[in-house]
C-alpha atoms as a PDB file:
ATOM      1  CA  MET A   1     -12.029  18.717  10.384  1.00  0.00           C
ATOM      2  CA  GLU A   2      -9.238  18.530   7.804  1.00  0.00           C
ATOM      3  CA  THR A   3      -8.622  15.443   5.695  1.00  0.00           C
ATOM      4  CA  ALA A   4      -5.391  13.697   6.683  1.00  0.00           C
ATOM      5  CA  ILE A   5      -3.535  10.923   4.877  1.00  0.00           C
ATOM      6  CA  LEU A   6      -1.105   8.682   6.757  1.00  0.00           C
ATOM      7  CA  ILE A   7       1.175   6.914   4.279  1.00  0.00           C
ATOM      8  CA  LEU A   8       2.446   3.413   5.072  1.00  0.00           C
ATOM      9  CA  PRO A   9       5.427   2.198   3.002  1.00  0.00           C
ATOM     10  CA  GLY A  10       6.116  -1.344   1.838  1.00  0.00           C
ATOM     11  CA  GLY A  11       8.698  -3.898   2.751  1.00  0.00           C
ATOM     12  CA  PRO A  12       8.335  -4.712   5.582  1.00  0.00           C
ATOM     13  CA  GLY A  13      11.188  -2.631   6.871  1.00  0.00           C
ATOM     14  CA  VAL A  14      11.528  -0.142   4.008  1.00  0.00           C
ATOM     15  CA  GLY A  15      11.930   3.569   4.703  1.00  0.00           C
ATOM     16  CA  TYR A  16       9.294   5.891   3.293  1.00  0.00           C
ATOM     17  CA  GLU A  17      11.701   7.954   1.168  1.00  0.00           C
ATOM     18  CA  TYR A  18      10.935   5.929  -1.944  1.00  0.00           C
ATOM     19  CA  LEU A  19       7.347   7.220  -1.761  1.00  0.00           C
ATOM     20  CA  ARG A  20       8.005  10.829  -0.827  1.00  0.00           C
ATOM     21  CA  PRO A  21       8.667  12.523  -4.220  1.00  0.00           C
ATOM     22  CA  GLU A  22       5.364  11.511  -5.819  1.00  0.00           C
ATOM     23  CA  LEU A  23       3.043  11.150  -2.832  1.00  0.00           C
ATOM     24  CA  SER A  24       4.071  14.451  -1.259  1.00  0.00           C
ATOM     25  CA  GLU A  25       2.015  16.021  -4.041  1.00  0.00           C
ATOM     26  CA  LEU A  26      -1.085  14.813  -2.218  1.00  0.00           C
ATOM     27  CA  GLY A  27      -0.307  17.622   0.219  1.00  0.00           C
ATOM     28  CA  SER A  28      -2.244  19.929  -2.112  1.00  0.00           C
ATOM     29  CA  LEU A  29      -5.377  17.869  -1.385  1.00  0.00           C
ATOM     30  CA  ALA A  30      -4.959  16.899   2.275  1.00  0.00           C
ATOM     31  CA  ARG A  31      -2.599  16.919   5.226  1.00  0.00           C
ATOM     32  CA  VAL A  32       0.038  14.246   4.531  1.00  0.00           C
ATOM     33  CA  ALA A  33       2.183  12.334   7.031  1.00  0.00           C
ATOM     34  CA  PHE A  34       4.600   9.458   6.381  1.00  0.00           C
ATOM     35  CA  PHE A  35       4.963   6.477   8.707  1.00  0.00           C
ATOM     36  CA  GLU A  36       8.538   5.248   9.283  1.00  0.00           C
ATOM     37  CA  GLN A  37       8.434   1.528   9.935  1.00  0.00           C
ATOM     38  CA  ARG A  38      10.515  -0.380  12.436  1.00  0.00           C
ATOM     39  CA  ARG A  39      13.070  -2.670  10.817  1.00  0.00           C
ATOM     40  CA  GLY A  40      11.616  -5.955  12.055  1.00  0.00           C
ATOM     41  CA  GLY A  41       9.582  -7.650  14.732  1.00  0.00           C
ATOM     42  CA  HIS A  42       6.171  -9.264  15.073  1.00  0.00           C
ATOM     43  CA  PHE A  43       3.450  -7.911  12.779  1.00  0.00           C
ATOM     44  CA  ASP A  44       1.323  -6.835  15.733  1.00  0.00           C
ATOM     45  CA  LEU A  45       4.080  -4.407  16.742  1.00  0.00           C
ATOM     46  CA  PHE A  46       3.614  -2.647  13.414  1.00  0.00           C
ATOM     47  CA  LEU A  47      -0.098  -2.288  14.157  1.00  0.00           C
ATOM     48  CA  ASP A  48       0.716  -0.826  17.573  1.00  0.00           C
ATOM     49  CA  GLU A  49       3.164   1.654  16.052  1.00  0.00           C
ATOM     50  CA  VAL A  50       0.662   2.884  13.462  1.00  0.00           C
ATOM     51  CA  GLU A  51      -1.782   3.512  16.300  1.00  0.00           C
ATOM     52  CA  CYS A  52       0.897   5.344  18.325  1.00  0.00           C
ATOM     53  CA  VAL A  53       1.799   7.557  15.353  1.00  0.00           C
ATOM     54  CA  ARG A  54      -1.842   8.302  14.595  1.00  0.00           C
ATOM     55  CA  GLU A  55      -2.459   9.308  18.200  1.00  0.00           C
ATOM     56  CA  ARG A  56       0.762  11.303  18.557  1.00  0.00           C
ATOM     57  CA  LEU A  57       0.045  13.318  15.401  1.00  0.00           C
ATOM     58  CA  GLY A  58      -3.527  13.965  16.479  1.00  0.00           C
ATOM     59  CA  LEU A  59      -5.027  12.298  13.413  1.00  0.00           C
ATOM     60  CA  VAL A  60      -8.581  11.609  14.527  1.00  0.00           C
ATOM     61  CA  ARG A  61      -9.768   9.511  11.567  1.00  0.00           C
ATOM     62  CA  PRO A  62      -7.117   9.597   8.861  1.00  0.00           C
ATOM     63  CA  ILE A  63      -7.105   7.979   5.462  1.00  0.00           C
ATOM     64  CA  LEU A  64      -4.487   5.241   5.415  1.00  0.00           C
ATOM     65  CA  LEU A  65      -2.585   4.992   2.143  1.00  0.00           C
ATOM     66  CA  GLY A  66      -0.598   1.766   2.029  1.00  0.00           C
ATOM     67  CA  HIS A  67       1.735   0.612  -0.721  1.00  0.00           C
ATOM     68  CA  SER A  68       2.661  -3.075  -1.118  1.00  0.00           C
ATOM     69  CA  PHE A  69       3.185  -4.495   2.406  1.00  0.00           C
ATOM     70  CA  GLY A  70       1.874  -1.167   3.691  1.00  0.00           C
ATOM     71  CA  GLY A  71      -1.434  -2.012   2.046  1.00  0.00           C
ATOM     72  CA  LEU A  72      -1.686  -5.241   4.009  1.00  0.00           C
ATOM     73  CA  LEU A  73      -0.815  -3.325   7.164  1.00  0.00           C
ATOM     74  CA  ALA A  74      -3.507  -0.739   6.387  1.00  0.00           C
ATOM     75  CA  MET A  75      -6.131  -3.435   5.893  1.00  0.00           C
ATOM     76  CA  ARG A  76      -5.272  -5.177   9.134  1.00  0.00           C
ATOM     77  CA  TYR A  77      -5.245  -1.879  11.026  1.00  0.00           C
ATOM     78  CA  ALA A  78      -8.698  -1.065   9.635  1.00  0.00           C
ATOM     79  CA  MET A  79      -9.949  -4.443  10.860  1.00  0.00           C
ATOM     80  CA  GLU A  80      -8.659  -3.863  14.396  1.00  0.00           C
ATOM     81  CA  TYR A  81      -9.406  -0.122  14.696  1.00  0.00           C
ATOM     82  CA  GLN A  82     -12.494   0.393  12.537  1.00  0.00           C
ATOM     83  CA  GLU A  83     -13.620   3.577  14.241  1.00  0.00           C
ATOM     84  CA  ARG A  84     -10.210   5.261  13.837  1.00  0.00           C
ATOM     85  CA  VAL A  85      -9.949   5.075  10.041  1.00  0.00           C
ATOM     86  CA  ALA A  86     -11.908   7.207   7.583  1.00  0.00           C
ATOM     87  CA  ALA A  87     -10.880   5.368   4.410  1.00  0.00           C
ATOM     88  CA  LEU A  88      -8.179   3.297   2.746  1.00  0.00           C
ATOM     89  CA  ILE A  89      -6.151   3.836  -0.413  1.00  0.00           C
ATOM     90  CA  LEU A  90      -4.359   0.598  -1.273  1.00  0.00           C
ATOM     91  CA  VAL A  91      -1.601   0.933  -3.879  1.00  0.00           C
ATOM     92  CA  ASP A  92      -0.742  -2.434  -5.449  1.00  0.00           C
ATOM     93  CA  PRO A  93      -1.178  -3.922  -1.973  1.00  0.00           C
ATOM     94  CA  ASP A  94       0.012  -7.307  -0.785  1.00  0.00           C
ATOM     95  CA  PRO A  95      -2.834  -9.791  -1.284  1.00  0.00           C
ATOM     96  CA  ALA A  96      -4.934 -10.938   1.648  1.00  0.00           C
ATOM     97  CA  SER A  97      -3.431 -14.442   1.599  1.00  0.00           C
ATOM     98  CA  ARG A  98       0.094 -15.788   1.571  1.00  0.00           C
ATOM     99  CA  ALA A  99      -0.772 -18.124  -1.312  1.00  0.00           C
ATOM    100  CA  LEU A 100      -1.712 -15.221  -3.607  1.00  0.00           C
ATOM    101  CA  TRP A 101       1.173 -13.075  -2.374  1.00  0.00           C
ATOM    102  CA  ALA A 102       3.698 -15.847  -3.116  1.00  0.00           C
ATOM    103  CA  ARG A 103       2.685 -15.887  -6.769  1.00  0.00           C
ATOM    104  CA  HIS A 104       4.562 -12.639  -7.337  1.00  0.00           C
ATOM    105  CA  THR A 105       7.762 -14.685  -7.510  1.00  0.00           C
ATOM    106  CA  GLU A 106       6.498 -16.333 -10.711  1.00  0.00           C
ATOM    107  CA  VAL A 107       5.770 -12.971 -12.300  1.00  0.00           C
ATOM    108  CA  MET A 108       9.048 -11.421 -11.223  1.00  0.00           C
ATOM    109  CA  GLY A 109      11.073 -14.406 -12.356  1.00  0.00           C
ATOM    110  CA  ALA A 110       9.635 -14.223 -15.864  1.00  0.00           C
ATOM    111  CA  ARG A 111      10.502 -10.566 -16.380  1.00  0.00           C
ATOM    112  CA  PRO A 112      13.787  -9.653 -18.040  1.00  0.00           C
ATOM    113  CA  ALA A 113      15.276  -6.553 -16.486  1.00  0.00           C
ATOM    114  CA  SER A 114      18.529  -4.666 -16.183  1.00  0.00           C
ATOM    115  CA  SER A 115      18.448  -4.855 -12.370  1.00  0.00           C
ATOM    116  CA  PRO A 116      16.365  -6.583  -9.677  1.00  0.00           C
ATOM    117  CA  MET A 117      14.436  -3.391  -8.947  1.00  0.00           C
ATOM    118  CA  SER A 118      13.599  -2.917 -12.618  1.00  0.00           C
ATOM    119  CA  ARG A 119      11.413  -6.012 -12.548  1.00  0.00           C
ATOM    120  CA  TYR A 120       8.918  -4.069 -10.456  1.00  0.00           C
ATOM    121  CA  PHE A 121       8.248  -1.732 -13.399  1.00  0.00           C
ATOM    122  CA  ALA A 122       6.099  -2.524 -16.426  1.00  0.00           C
ATOM    123  CA  SER A 123       8.744  -1.157 -18.768  1.00  0.00           C
ATOM    124  CA  GLY A 124      11.488  -3.299 -17.225  1.00  0.00           C
ATOM    125  CA  VAL A 125      13.444  -0.123 -16.478  1.00  0.00           C
ATOM    126  CA  ALA A 126      13.498   1.699 -13.145  1.00  0.00           C
ATOM    127  CA  PRO A 127      13.606   5.515 -13.240  1.00  0.00           C
ATOM    128  CA  GLU A 128      17.062   6.994 -12.980  1.00  0.00           C
ATOM    129  CA  GLY A 129      18.144   7.266  -9.333  1.00  0.00           C
ATOM    130  CA  PHE A 130      15.170   5.276  -8.073  1.00  0.00           C
ATOM    131  CA  GLU A 131      17.165   2.533  -6.373  1.00  0.00           C
ATOM    132  CA  ALA A 132      19.001   5.149  -4.294  1.00  0.00           C
ATOM    133  CA  ARG A 133      15.715   5.827  -2.493  1.00  0.00           C
ATOM    134  CA  PHE A 134      16.028   2.419  -0.795  1.00  0.00           C
ATOM    135  CA  THR A 135      19.121   3.027   1.320  1.00  0.00           C
ATOM    136  CA  ASP A 136      17.184   2.029   4.462  1.00  0.00           C
ATOM    137  CA  ILE A 137      15.896  -1.298   3.186  1.00  0.00           C
ATOM    138  CA  SER A 138      15.884  -4.167   5.680  1.00  0.00           C
ATOM    139  CA  ARG A 139      16.095  -7.862   4.817  1.00  0.00           C
ATOM    140  CA  ASP A 140      14.617  -8.964   8.154  1.00  0.00           C
ATOM    141  CA  ALA A 141      11.937 -11.588   7.399  1.00  0.00           C
ATOM    142  CA  THR A 142      10.660 -11.718  10.982  1.00  0.00           C
ATOM    143  CA  THR A 143       7.578  -9.596  10.387  1.00  0.00           C
ATOM    144  CA  ARG A 144       6.167 -11.476   7.426  1.00  0.00           C
ATOM    145  CA  GLU A 145       7.005 -14.834   8.980  1.00  0.00           C
ATOM    146  CA  SER A 146       5.087 -13.843  12.120  1.00  0.00           C
ATOM    147  CA  LEU A 147       1.939 -13.828   9.966  1.00  0.00           C
ATOM    148  CA  GLY A 148       2.375 -17.526   9.213  1.00  0.00           C
ATOM    149  CA  ASP A 149       0.208 -18.872   6.390  1.00  0.00           C
ATOM    150  CA  TRP A 150      -2.056 -15.836   6.462  1.00  0.00           C
ATOM    151  CA  ASP A 151      -5.448 -15.588   4.820  1.00  0.00           C
ATOM    152  CA  PHE A 152      -7.618 -12.622   5.797  1.00  0.00           C
ATOM    153  CA  HIS A 153     -10.202 -12.850   3.020  1.00  0.00           C
ATOM    154  CA  ASP A 154     -12.959 -13.795   5.447  1.00  0.00           C
ATOM    155  CA  ARG A 155     -12.252 -10.647   7.483  1.00  0.00           C
ATOM    156  CA  LEU A 156     -12.271  -8.138   4.613  1.00  0.00           C
ATOM    157  CA  ARG A 157     -15.975  -7.464   5.259  1.00  0.00           C
ATOM    158  CA  GLU A 158     -14.959  -5.916   8.601  1.00  0.00           C
ATOM    159  CA  ILE A 159     -13.351  -2.953   6.806  1.00  0.00           C
ATOM    160  CA  ARG A 160     -15.658   0.060   6.832  1.00  0.00           C
ATOM    161  CA  GLY A 161     -15.596   3.325   4.934  1.00  0.00           C
ATOM    162  CA  PRO A 162     -14.613   4.085   1.334  1.00  0.00           C
ATOM    163  CA  VAL A 163     -11.757   1.993  -0.055  1.00  0.00           C
ATOM    164  CA  LEU A 164      -9.828   2.638  -3.277  1.00  0.00           C
ATOM    165  CA  ILE A 165      -7.527  -0.021  -4.684  1.00  0.00           C
ATOM    166  CA  VAL A 166      -5.060   1.240  -7.289  1.00  0.00           C
ATOM    167  CA  THR A 167      -2.974  -1.226  -9.248  1.00  0.00           C
ATOM    168  CA  GLY A 168      -1.331  -1.566 -12.647  1.00  0.00           C
ATOM    169  CA  ASP A 169      -2.345  -3.753 -15.554  1.00  0.00           C
ATOM    170  CA  ARG A 170       1.053  -5.437 -15.130  1.00  0.00           C
ATOM    171  CA  SER A 171       1.012  -5.757 -11.358  1.00  0.00           C
ATOM    172  CA  ILE A 172       3.456  -8.162  -9.724  1.00  0.00           C
ATOM    173  CA  PHE A 173       0.413  -9.790  -8.112  1.00  0.00           C
ATOM    174  CA  PRO A 174      -2.213 -11.886  -9.957  1.00  0.00           C
ATOM    175  CA  PRO A 175      -5.408 -10.058 -11.035  1.00  0.00           C
ATOM    176  CA  GLU A 176      -7.361 -12.479  -8.849  1.00  0.00           C
ATOM    177  CA  ALA A 177      -5.734 -10.959  -5.756  1.00  0.00           C
ATOM    178  CA  MET A 178      -6.995  -7.440  -6.462  1.00  0.00           C
ATOM    179  CA  GLU A 179     -10.411  -8.645  -7.571  1.00  0.00           C
ATOM    180  CA  ARG A 180     -10.855 -10.593  -4.333  1.00  0.00           C
ATOM    181  CA  LEU A 181     -10.026  -7.443  -2.375  1.00  0.00           C
ATOM    182  CA  ARG A 182     -12.528  -5.431  -4.394  1.00  0.00           C
ATOM    183  CA  SER A 183     -15.304  -7.983  -3.967  1.00  0.00           C
ATOM    184  CA  GLY A 184     -14.486  -8.763  -0.335  1.00  0.00           C
ATOM    185  CA  ILE A 185     -14.369  -5.208   1.034  1.00  0.00           C
ATOM    186  CA  PRO A 186     -17.841  -3.602   1.159  1.00  0.00           C
ATOM    187  CA  GLY A 187     -18.036  -0.698  -1.274  1.00  0.00           C
ATOM    188  CA  ALA A 188     -14.441  -0.953  -2.491  1.00  0.00           C
ATOM    189  CA  SER A 189     -13.529   0.313  -5.948  1.00  0.00           C
ATOM    190  CA  LEU A 190     -10.651  -0.882  -8.126  1.00  0.00           C
ATOM    191  CA  ALA A 191      -8.667   1.252 -10.569  1.00  0.00           C
ATOM    192  CA  VAL A 192      -6.330  -0.627 -12.920  1.00  0.00           C
ATOM    193  CA  LEU A 193      -3.921   1.822 -14.521  1.00  0.00           C
ATOM    194  CA  PRO A 194      -2.442   1.022 -17.950  1.00  0.00           C
ATOM    195  CA  ASN A 195       1.268   0.465 -18.514  1.00  0.00           C
ATOM    196  CA  ALA A 196       1.978   0.223 -14.802  1.00  0.00           C
ATOM    197  CA  SER A 197       3.156  -2.464 -12.402  1.00  0.00           C
ATOM    198  CA  HIS A 198       4.090  -2.183  -8.713  1.00  0.00           C
ATOM    199  CA  PHE A 199       4.551   1.602  -8.637  1.00  0.00           C
ATOM    200  CA  PRO A 200       1.504   3.093 -10.382  1.00  0.00           C
ATOM    201  CA  GLN A 201       2.074   6.382  -8.552  1.00  0.00           C
ATOM    202  CA  ILE A 202       5.263   6.706 -10.616  1.00  0.00           C
ATOM    203  CA  GLU A 203       4.517   4.809 -13.809  1.00  0.00           C
ATOM    204  CA  ALA A 204       1.077   6.372 -14.378  1.00  0.00           C
ATOM    205  CA  HIS A 205       1.443   9.400 -12.138  1.00  0.00           C
ATOM    206  CA  ASP A 206      -1.107  11.731 -13.734  1.00  0.00           C
ATOM    207  CA  GLU A 207      -3.761   9.014 -13.840  1.00  0.00           C
ATOM    208  CA  PHE A 208      -2.934   8.007 -10.279  1.00  0.00           C
ATOM    209  CA  MET A 209      -3.394  11.566  -9.039  1.00  0.00           C
ATOM    210  CA  ARG A 210      -6.657  11.826 -10.972  1.00  0.00           C
ATOM    211  CA  VAL A 211      -8.262   8.702  -9.462  1.00  0.00           C
ATOM    212  CA  VAL A 212      -7.098   9.604  -5.959  1.00  0.00           C
ATOM    213  CA  GLY A 213      -8.331  13.170  -6.400  1.00  0.00           C
ATOM    214  CA  GLU A 214     -11.736  11.864  -7.460  1.00  0.00           C
ATOM    215  CA  PHE A 215     -11.832   9.477  -4.504  1.00  0.00           C
ATOM    216  CA  LEU A 216     -11.033  11.928  -1.718  1.00  0.00           C
ATOM    217  CA  PRO A 217     -14.354  13.851  -1.837  1.00  0.00           C
ATOM    218  CA  ARG A 218     -16.092  10.563  -0.950  1.00  0.00           C
ATOM    219  CA  VAL A 219     -14.321  10.514   2.405  1.00  0.00           C
ATOM    220  CA  ARG A 220     -15.804  12.063   5.514  1.00  0.00           C
ATOM    221  CA  PRO A 221     -12.996  12.923   7.960  1.00  0.00           C
END
């Protein structure tokens, strides 16, 4: 059975194009598919759509790779559909509680940058043309608000299979958030990449590909 990776973008409500240039390279290691989110709605609808896409594409037990909000979605999916996920790769994922997630506003507010998007990068400068990848961005807050004052830390132990968390040493989220994911998910490993923030797959691309490449052989499709 081939290894398949289903990639879940952030947002919520952001198109996957911002991930495609770098993460398409994973196609040399596994079958890669990108999930196009709906633009709003209750969080549970996102879970249902991931399941529909998985089934429609014939992905028996894929690896879910989630970035930012997509990481939170991947974790929740793995809690609800344990037997349908082989592993998780969480790329600077949203924390498992609203309280820890909300602290990113402190970090972002303290960073000088030439544009709002630049604050997501450790250097304070977004790559040329990067912001054009977000033409499909949605400002609909319905999905996140449907989670209420979420805190899933006590459910992290329900996630089975290998889990890799990849973040940057200048993540927009507090180090405590990633450490609690690592310690809460059985067998999870945490890779903190230097000189990177919210997009380690771009900012530390070679190192990102290395740690993911080393992780994949641990996964049984």
